[in-house]
């Protein structure tokens, strides 16, 4: 996606939060409808590191897509043996993916897909309508800095 964060573009991006960019934390009007719009989230970690837990904040344009109250059912983990924790904020969704077996590590690459509802009367969202930030990346060896994530069409 490149170009750096742009406060006020309708979704949280790396380097932004609700304190330094409140306009991107406003829930926009959306009447949920069909079709579902699916996106894939991948993560990467610095060479020489291993992660067993990754927490991603996926900022989204809430006037283009939305998630139902049971948002966890819309997040599908890709790597076997992992669990997920999902918290939708109606402008961003926090997804934590973790290994269930001590000593196992996540494989960099696609970690989950997510199915959003379309907002009636709005164009389809594209990966450029999302901001992906790794909020936590860690293992039993400690926190890992430099982990990143990206959003693509499946």
N, C-alpha and C. Protein backbone atom coordinates (compact mmCIF):
# COMPACT_ATOMS: atom_id res chain seq x y z
N UNK A 1 0.83 -1.18 0.00
CA UNK A 1 0.00 0.00 0.00
C UNK A 1 0.87 1.24 0.00
N UNK A 2 1.90 1.29 0.81
CA UNK A 2 2.89 2.35 0.74
C UNK A 2 2.34 3.73 0.96
N UNK A 3 3.24 4.71 0.99
CA UNK A 3 2.86 6.10 1.08
C UNK A 3 2.67 6.61 2.49
N UNK A 4 2.64 5.76 3.50
CA UNK A 4 2.49 6.20 4.87
C UNK A 4 1.05 6.44 5.26
N UNK A 5 0.84 6.59 6.55
CA UNK A 5 -0.50 6.78 7.10
C UNK A 5 -1.05 8.15 6.72
N UNK A 6 -2.36 8.19 6.48
CA UNK A 6 -3.04 9.44 6.16
C UNK A 6 -4.21 9.57 7.12
N UNK A 7 -4.04 10.37 8.16
CA UNK A 7 -5.11 10.56 9.13
C UNK A 7 -6.31 11.20 8.45
N UNK A 8 -7.49 10.63 8.71
CA UNK A 8 -8.72 11.17 8.15
C UNK A 8 -9.18 10.48 6.88
N UNK A 9 -8.49 9.39 6.47
CA UNK A 9 -8.90 8.70 5.25
C UNK A 9 -9.94 7.62 5.50
N UNK A 10 -10.42 7.50 6.75
CA UNK A 10 -11.53 6.59 7.04
C UNK A 10 -11.15 5.26 7.64
N UNK A 11 -9.84 4.99 7.86
CA UNK A 11 -9.43 3.75 8.50
C UNK A 11 -8.08 3.92 9.17
N UNK A 12 -7.89 3.20 10.29
CA UNK A 12 -6.63 3.25 11.01
C UNK A 12 -5.55 2.51 10.26
N UNK A 13 -4.38 3.12 10.22
CA UNK A 13 -3.22 2.55 9.55
C UNK A 13 -2.06 2.46 10.54
N UNK A 14 -0.96 1.80 10.17
CA UNK A 14 0.20 1.77 11.07
C UNK A 14 0.62 3.18 11.47
N UNK A 15 0.88 3.36 12.75
CA UNK A 15 1.27 4.66 13.28
C UNK A 15 0.09 5.50 13.76
N UNK A 16 -1.12 5.06 13.49
CA UNK A 16 -2.30 5.79 13.93
C UNK A 16 -3.01 5.04 15.05
N UNK A 17 -3.69 5.79 15.90
CA UNK A 17 -4.59 5.21 16.89
C UNK A 17 -5.69 6.24 17.13
N UNK A 18 -6.61 5.91 18.01
CA UNK A 18 -7.76 6.80 18.22
C UNK A 18 -7.39 8.07 18.97
N UNK A 19 -6.20 8.13 19.55
CA UNK A 19 -5.74 9.35 20.22
C UNK A 19 -5.14 10.33 19.22
N UNK A 20 -4.26 9.83 18.33
CA UNK A 20 -3.60 10.75 17.40
C UNK A 20 -4.34 10.90 16.08
N UNK A 21 -5.40 10.11 15.86
CA UNK A 21 -6.19 10.23 14.63
C UNK A 21 -7.65 9.88 14.90
N UNK A 22 -8.35 10.66 15.72
CA UNK A 22 -9.74 10.34 16.06
C UNK A 22 -10.69 10.25 14.86
N UNK A 23 -10.48 10.99 13.75
CA UNK A 23 -11.43 10.86 12.63
C UNK A 23 -11.52 9.44 12.06
N UNK A 24 -10.43 8.67 12.17
CA UNK A 24 -10.43 7.32 11.61
C UNK A 24 -11.06 6.30 12.55
N UNK A 25 -11.52 6.76 13.71
CA UNK A 25 -12.18 5.88 14.69
C UNK A 25 -13.68 6.13 14.75
N UNK A 26 -14.20 6.87 13.81
CA UNK A 26 -15.63 7.16 13.77
C UNK A 26 -16.34 6.05 12.99
N UNK A 27 -17.41 5.52 13.59
CA UNK A 27 -18.19 4.49 12.91
C UNK A 27 -19.12 5.18 11.92
N UNK A 28 -18.98 4.83 10.65
CA UNK A 28 -19.78 5.43 9.58
C UNK A 28 -21.09 4.67 9.41
N UNK A 29 -22.00 5.27 8.72
CA UNK A 29 -23.30 4.65 8.45
C UNK A 29 -23.15 3.53 7.43
N UNK A 30 -23.80 2.39 7.72
CA UNK A 30 -23.75 1.24 6.82
C UNK A 30 -24.98 0.38 7.06
N UNK A 31 -25.68 0.07 5.99
CA UNK A 31 -26.74 -0.94 6.05
C UNK A 31 -26.14 -2.20 5.44
N UNK A 32 -25.91 -3.18 6.30
CA UNK A 32 -25.23 -4.40 5.87
C UNK A 32 -26.06 -5.16 4.84
N UNK A 33 -25.36 -5.70 3.86
CA UNK A 33 -26.02 -6.47 2.81
C UNK A 33 -25.06 -7.47 2.20
N UNK A 34 -25.43 -7.94 1.03
CA UNK A 34 -24.61 -8.90 0.31
C UNK A 34 -24.02 -8.20 -0.91
N UNK A 35 -22.98 -8.76 -1.50
CA UNK A 35 -22.34 -10.03 -1.19
C UNK A 35 -21.32 -9.87 -0.07
N UNK A 36 -20.87 -11.01 0.49
CA UNK A 36 -19.76 -10.98 1.43
C UNK A 36 -18.50 -10.58 0.66
N UNK A 37 -17.64 -9.85 1.32
CA UNK A 37 -16.36 -9.46 0.74
C UNK A 37 -15.26 -10.08 1.60
N UNK A 38 -14.44 -10.92 0.98
CA UNK A 38 -13.41 -11.65 1.71
C UNK A 38 -12.04 -11.06 1.42
N UNK A 39 -11.25 -10.93 2.49
CA UNK A 39 -9.88 -10.44 2.38
C UNK A 39 -8.96 -11.36 3.17
N UNK A 40 -7.70 -11.44 2.73
CA UNK A 40 -6.69 -12.27 3.37
C UNK A 40 -5.69 -11.38 4.08
N UNK A 41 -5.33 -11.77 5.31
CA UNK A 41 -4.33 -11.03 6.08
C UNK A 41 -3.11 -11.93 6.26
N UNK A 42 -1.96 -11.39 5.90
CA UNK A 42 -0.69 -12.09 6.04
C UNK A 42 0.21 -11.30 6.97
N UNK A 43 1.14 -12.01 7.61
CA UNK A 43 2.10 -11.30 8.45
C UNK A 43 3.50 -11.76 8.11
N UNK A 44 4.46 -10.91 8.46
CA UNK A 44 5.87 -11.24 8.27
C UNK A 44 6.61 -10.85 9.54
N UNK A 45 7.73 -11.51 9.76
CA UNK A 45 8.54 -11.25 10.95
C UNK A 45 9.99 -11.10 10.52
N UNK A 46 10.79 -10.42 11.33
CA UNK A 46 12.21 -10.26 10.96
C UNK A 46 12.92 -11.62 10.88
N UNK A 47 13.89 -11.71 10.00
CA UNK A 47 14.68 -12.94 9.87
C UNK A 47 15.31 -13.30 11.21
N UNK A 48 15.34 -14.57 11.51
CA UNK A 48 15.95 -15.04 12.74
C UNK A 48 15.04 -15.00 13.95
N UNK A 49 13.76 -14.66 13.75
CA UNK A 49 12.82 -14.64 14.86
C UNK A 49 11.73 -15.68 14.63
N UNK A 50 11.08 -16.07 15.71
CA UNK A 50 9.94 -16.98 15.65
C UNK A 50 8.84 -16.42 16.54
N UNK A 51 7.60 -16.49 16.06
CA UNK A 51 6.46 -15.96 16.82
C UNK A 51 5.45 -17.07 17.06
N UNK A 52 4.86 -17.05 18.21
CA UNK A 52 3.77 -17.98 18.52
C UNK A 52 2.46 -17.23 18.74
N UNK A 53 2.51 -15.90 18.76
CA UNK A 53 1.32 -15.06 18.92
C UNK A 53 1.47 -13.80 18.08
N UNK A 54 0.43 -13.49 17.32
CA UNK A 54 0.41 -12.25 16.54
C UNK A 54 -0.96 -11.61 16.74
N UNK A 55 -0.95 -10.32 17.14
CA UNK A 55 -2.20 -9.58 17.24
C UNK A 55 -2.18 -8.48 16.18
N UNK A 56 -3.21 -8.52 15.34
CA UNK A 56 -3.34 -7.60 14.22
C UNK A 56 -4.54 -6.69 14.44
N UNK A 57 -4.35 -5.40 14.14
CA UNK A 57 -5.49 -4.48 14.09
C UNK A 57 -5.74 -4.20 12.62
N UNK A 58 -6.92 -4.60 12.17
CA UNK A 58 -7.31 -4.38 10.78
C UNK A 58 -8.31 -3.23 10.75
N UNK A 59 -7.82 -2.05 10.40
CA UNK A 59 -8.70 -0.89 10.27
C UNK A 59 -9.45 -0.97 8.96
N UNK A 60 -10.74 -0.62 8.98
CA UNK A 60 -11.52 -0.70 7.75
C UNK A 60 -12.46 0.49 7.62
N UNK A 61 -12.84 0.77 6.37
CA UNK A 61 -13.78 1.85 6.09
C UNK A 61 -15.18 1.33 6.39
N UNK A 62 -15.73 1.79 7.51
CA UNK A 62 -17.01 1.26 7.99
C UNK A 62 -18.20 1.74 7.17
N UNK A 63 -17.96 2.58 6.18
CA UNK A 63 -19.04 2.94 5.25
C UNK A 63 -19.02 2.05 4.00
N UNK A 64 -18.00 1.16 3.90
CA UNK A 64 -17.91 0.22 2.77
C UNK A 64 -18.20 -1.21 3.20
N UNK A 65 -17.73 -1.59 4.40
CA UNK A 65 -17.90 -2.95 4.91
C UNK A 65 -18.24 -2.91 6.39
N UNK A 66 -18.84 -4.01 6.87
CA UNK A 66 -19.14 -4.12 8.30
C UNK A 66 -19.05 -5.59 8.71
N UNK A 67 -19.05 -5.79 10.01
CA UNK A 67 -19.06 -7.14 10.57
C UNK A 67 -20.28 -7.29 11.47
N UNK A 68 -20.86 -8.47 11.52
CA UNK A 68 -22.00 -8.68 12.41
C UNK A 68 -21.53 -8.77 13.87
N UNK A 69 -22.47 -8.81 14.79
CA UNK A 69 -22.14 -8.90 16.21
C UNK A 69 -21.27 -10.12 16.51
N UNK A 70 -21.50 -11.20 15.82
CA UNK A 70 -20.70 -12.42 16.00
C UNK A 70 -19.53 -12.41 15.02
N UNK A 71 -18.67 -11.41 15.12
CA UNK A 71 -17.58 -11.22 14.17
C UNK A 71 -16.60 -12.39 14.15
N UNK A 72 -16.43 -13.07 15.27
CA UNK A 72 -15.46 -14.17 15.33
C UNK A 72 -15.76 -15.25 14.30
N UNK A 73 -17.05 -15.45 14.00
CA UNK A 73 -17.43 -16.47 13.01
C UNK A 73 -16.98 -16.09 11.60
N UNK A 74 -16.63 -14.84 11.39
CA UNK A 74 -16.22 -14.37 10.07
C UNK A 74 -14.70 -14.43 9.87
N UNK A 75 -13.96 -14.77 10.92
CA UNK A 75 -12.50 -14.86 10.83
C UNK A 75 -12.12 -16.33 10.76
N UNK A 76 -11.41 -16.70 9.70
CA UNK A 76 -11.03 -18.09 9.46
C UNK A 76 -9.51 -18.21 9.48
N UNK A 77 -8.99 -18.90 10.50
CA UNK A 77 -7.54 -19.08 10.59
C UNK A 77 -7.08 -20.03 9.50
N UNK A 78 -5.90 -19.79 9.00
CA UNK A 78 -5.37 -20.57 7.89
C UNK A 78 -4.47 -21.68 8.41
N UNK A 79 -3.67 -21.38 9.41
CA UNK A 79 -2.69 -22.36 9.89
C UNK A 79 -3.33 -23.30 10.91
N UNK A 80 -3.24 -24.61 10.69
CA UNK A 80 -3.80 -25.57 11.64
C UNK A 80 -3.11 -25.44 13.01
N UNK A 81 -3.84 -25.78 14.06
CA UNK A 81 -3.25 -25.77 15.40
C UNK A 81 -3.18 -24.41 16.05
N UNK A 82 -3.90 -23.45 15.47
CA UNK A 82 -3.92 -22.10 16.05
C UNK A 82 -5.32 -21.77 16.55
N UNK A 83 -5.38 -20.81 17.43
CA UNK A 83 -6.67 -20.31 17.91
C UNK A 83 -6.76 -18.83 17.58
N UNK A 84 -7.98 -18.30 17.67
CA UNK A 84 -8.18 -16.89 17.35
C UNK A 84 -9.02 -16.24 18.45
N UNK A 85 -8.77 -14.97 18.65
CA UNK A 85 -9.58 -14.12 19.52
C UNK A 85 -9.91 -12.90 18.68
N UNK A 86 -11.19 -12.54 18.61
CA UNK A 86 -11.64 -11.47 17.72
C UNK A 86 -12.41 -10.43 18.52
N UNK A 87 -12.08 -9.15 18.30
CA UNK A 87 -12.78 -8.04 18.95
C UNK A 87 -13.05 -6.96 17.90
N UNK A 88 -14.30 -6.87 17.45
CA UNK A 88 -14.67 -5.86 16.45
C UNK A 88 -15.03 -4.56 17.15
N UNK A 89 -14.45 -3.46 16.68
CA UNK A 89 -14.72 -2.13 17.22
C UNK A 89 -15.60 -1.30 16.29
N UNK A 90 -16.09 -1.92 15.22
CA UNK A 90 -16.96 -1.30 14.22
C UNK A 90 -16.26 -0.29 13.31
N UNK A 91 -14.96 -0.11 13.46
CA UNK A 91 -14.12 0.67 12.54
C UNK A 91 -12.78 -0.03 12.35
N UNK A 92 -12.49 -0.97 13.24
CA UNK A 92 -11.29 -1.80 13.19
C UNK A 92 -11.61 -3.09 13.94
N UNK A 93 -10.96 -4.16 13.54
CA UNK A 93 -11.13 -5.44 14.22
C UNK A 93 -9.76 -5.90 14.70
N UNK A 94 -9.71 -6.29 15.97
CA UNK A 94 -8.48 -6.84 16.54
C UNK A 94 -8.57 -8.36 16.46
N UNK A 95 -7.57 -8.97 15.85
CA UNK A 95 -7.54 -10.42 15.70
C UNK A 95 -6.21 -10.92 16.27
N UNK A 96 -6.31 -11.80 17.25
CA UNK A 96 -5.13 -12.41 17.84
C UNK A 96 -5.09 -13.88 17.41
N UNK A 97 -4.00 -14.27 16.80
CA UNK A 97 -3.78 -15.65 16.37
C UNK A 97 -2.64 -16.19 17.21
N UNK A 98 -2.87 -17.36 17.82
CA UNK A 98 -1.81 -17.94 18.64
C UNK A 98 -1.75 -19.45 18.45
N UNK A 99 -0.54 -19.96 18.60
CA UNK A 99 -0.32 -21.40 18.56
C UNK A 99 -0.93 -22.02 19.81
N UNK A 100 -1.56 -23.17 19.65
CA UNK A 100 -2.17 -23.85 20.79
C UNK A 100 -1.20 -24.79 21.49
N UNK A 101 -0.11 -25.15 20.84
CA UNK A 101 0.86 -26.08 21.42
C UNK A 101 2.14 -25.31 21.75
N UNK A 102 2.55 -25.38 23.01
CA UNK A 102 3.78 -24.72 23.43
C UNK A 102 4.94 -25.29 22.62
N UNK A 103 5.79 -24.40 22.11
CA UNK A 103 6.93 -24.82 21.30
C UNK A 103 6.67 -24.77 19.81
N UNK A 104 5.41 -24.60 19.40
CA UNK A 104 5.11 -24.43 17.98
C UNK A 104 5.14 -22.94 17.64
N UNK A 105 5.42 -22.64 16.39
CA UNK A 105 5.52 -21.25 15.96
C UNK A 105 4.71 -21.02 14.70
N UNK A 106 4.24 -19.80 14.54
CA UNK A 106 3.47 -19.42 13.36
C UNK A 106 4.40 -19.35 12.15
N UNK A 107 3.84 -19.68 11.01
CA UNK A 107 4.58 -19.58 9.76
C UNK A 107 4.26 -18.23 9.12
N UNK A 108 5.27 -17.41 8.84
CA UNK A 108 4.99 -16.14 8.16
C UNK A 108 4.23 -16.40 6.86
N UNK A 109 3.33 -15.50 6.54
CA UNK A 109 2.48 -15.64 5.37
C UNK A 109 1.03 -15.45 5.78
N UNK A 110 0.10 -15.97 5.00
CA UNK A 110 -1.33 -15.81 5.32
C UNK A 110 -1.66 -16.44 6.68
N UNK A 111 -2.34 -15.65 7.54
CA UNK A 111 -2.73 -16.20 8.85
C UNK A 111 -4.24 -16.29 9.03
N UNK A 112 -5.00 -15.43 8.33
CA UNK A 112 -6.45 -15.58 8.38
C UNK A 112 -7.11 -14.88 7.21
N UNK A 113 -8.35 -15.31 6.93
CA UNK A 113 -9.21 -14.58 6.00
C UNK A 113 -10.36 -14.04 6.83
N UNK A 114 -10.99 -13.02 6.32
CA UNK A 114 -12.11 -12.40 7.03
C UNK A 114 -13.20 -12.04 6.01
N UNK A 115 -14.44 -12.37 6.36
CA UNK A 115 -15.60 -12.12 5.50
C UNK A 115 -16.39 -10.94 6.04
N UNK A 116 -16.38 -9.84 5.30
CA UNK A 116 -17.14 -8.65 5.68
C UNK A 116 -18.47 -8.62 4.94
N UNK A 117 -19.49 -8.01 5.56
CA UNK A 117 -20.71 -7.67 4.85
C UNK A 117 -20.43 -6.46 3.99
N UNK A 118 -21.08 -6.37 2.85
CA UNK A 118 -21.04 -5.17 2.03
C UNK A 118 -21.98 -4.14 2.63
N UNK A 119 -21.72 -2.88 2.40
CA UNK A 119 -22.65 -1.82 2.77
C UNK A 119 -23.49 -1.50 1.54
N UNK A 120 -24.80 -1.55 1.70
CA UNK A 120 -25.71 -1.34 0.56
C UNK A 120 -25.46 0.02 -0.08
N UNK A 121 -25.44 0.02 -1.41
CA UNK A 121 -25.27 1.26 -2.17
C UNK A 121 -23.85 1.75 -2.27
N UNK A 122 -22.88 0.99 -1.76
CA UNK A 122 -21.48 1.42 -1.78
C UNK A 122 -20.68 0.52 -2.72
N UNK A 123 -19.59 1.04 -3.26
CA UNK A 123 -18.75 0.19 -4.12
C UNK A 123 -18.06 -0.88 -3.28
N UNK A 124 -17.59 -1.92 -3.94
CA UNK A 124 -16.85 -2.97 -3.25
C UNK A 124 -15.55 -2.40 -2.68
N UNK A 125 -15.18 -2.87 -1.51
CA UNK A 125 -13.91 -2.48 -0.90
C UNK A 125 -12.76 -3.15 -1.63
N UNK A 126 -11.59 -2.56 -1.55
CA UNK A 126 -10.36 -3.13 -2.10
C UNK A 126 -9.35 -3.21 -0.96
N UNK A 127 -8.25 -3.92 -1.14
CA UNK A 127 -7.24 -3.96 -0.08
C UNK A 127 -6.75 -2.56 0.34
N UNK A 128 -6.82 -1.59 -0.56
CA UNK A 128 -6.40 -0.23 -0.23
C UNK A 128 -7.33 0.45 0.77
N UNK A 129 -8.51 -0.14 1.04
CA UNK A 129 -9.47 0.42 2.00
C UNK A 129 -9.25 -0.11 3.41
N UNK A 130 -8.12 -0.78 3.64
CA UNK A 130 -7.81 -1.37 4.94
C UNK A 130 -6.43 -0.94 5.39
N UNK A 131 -6.26 -0.83 6.68
CA UNK A 131 -4.95 -0.59 7.27
C UNK A 131 -4.62 -1.73 8.20
N UNK A 132 -3.46 -2.31 8.06
CA UNK A 132 -3.08 -3.48 8.86
C UNK A 132 -1.88 -3.12 9.73
N UNK A 133 -2.03 -3.32 11.03
CA UNK A 133 -0.98 -3.02 11.99
C UNK A 133 -0.79 -4.22 12.91
N UNK A 134 0.45 -4.64 13.10
CA UNK A 134 0.74 -5.67 14.09
C UNK A 134 0.91 -4.97 15.42
N UNK A 135 0.00 -5.23 16.36
CA UNK A 135 0.06 -4.63 17.68
C UNK A 135 0.93 -5.43 18.63
N UNK A 136 0.99 -6.74 18.43
CA UNK A 136 1.84 -7.60 19.25
C UNK A 136 2.33 -8.76 18.42
N UNK A 137 3.58 -9.09 18.61
CA UNK A 137 4.21 -10.22 17.94
C UNK A 137 5.19 -10.76 18.97
N UNK A 138 4.97 -12.02 19.39
CA UNK A 138 5.81 -12.52 20.47
C UNK A 138 5.89 -14.04 20.47
N UNK A 139 6.78 -14.53 21.31
CA UNK A 139 6.92 -15.97 21.56
C UNK A 139 7.37 -16.11 23.01
N UNK A 140 7.64 -17.33 23.42
CA UNK A 140 8.12 -17.55 24.78
C UNK A 140 9.49 -16.91 24.99
N UNK A 141 10.16 -16.52 23.91
CA UNK A 141 11.45 -15.84 24.00
C UNK A 141 11.30 -14.34 24.23
N UNK A 142 10.07 -13.81 24.11
CA UNK A 142 9.83 -12.39 24.34
C UNK A 142 9.15 -11.73 23.16
N UNK A 143 8.99 -10.41 23.28
CA UNK A 143 8.37 -9.62 22.21
C UNK A 143 9.31 -9.49 21.03
N UNK A 144 8.71 -9.40 19.85
CA UNK A 144 9.45 -9.26 18.60
C UNK A 144 9.05 -7.92 17.98
N UNK A 145 10.02 -7.09 17.68
CA UNK A 145 9.72 -5.84 17.00
C UNK A 145 9.98 -6.02 15.51
N UNK A 146 9.24 -5.27 14.71
CA UNK A 146 9.45 -5.33 13.27
C UNK A 146 8.52 -6.25 12.51
N UNK A 147 7.53 -6.85 13.20
CA UNK A 147 6.56 -7.67 12.49
C UNK A 147 5.61 -6.76 11.72
N UNK A 148 5.18 -7.19 10.55
CA UNK A 148 4.30 -6.38 9.71
C UNK A 148 3.16 -7.27 9.19
N UNK A 149 2.12 -6.62 8.67
CA UNK A 149 1.03 -7.37 8.06
C UNK A 149 0.52 -6.64 6.82
N UNK A 150 -0.13 -7.41 5.96
CA UNK A 150 -0.68 -6.87 4.72
C UNK A 150 -2.06 -7.46 4.48
N UNK A 151 -2.85 -6.76 3.69
CA UNK A 151 -4.20 -7.20 3.31
C UNK A 151 -4.23 -7.37 1.81
N UNK A 152 -4.76 -8.50 1.36
CA UNK A 152 -4.90 -8.76 -0.07
C UNK A 152 -6.26 -9.37 -0.33
N UNK A 153 -6.64 -9.38 -1.59
CA UNK A 153 -7.84 -10.12 -1.99
C UNK A 153 -7.45 -11.59 -2.00
N UNK A 154 -8.38 -12.49 -1.67
CA UNK A 154 -8.01 -13.92 -1.58
C UNK A 154 -7.62 -14.52 -2.92
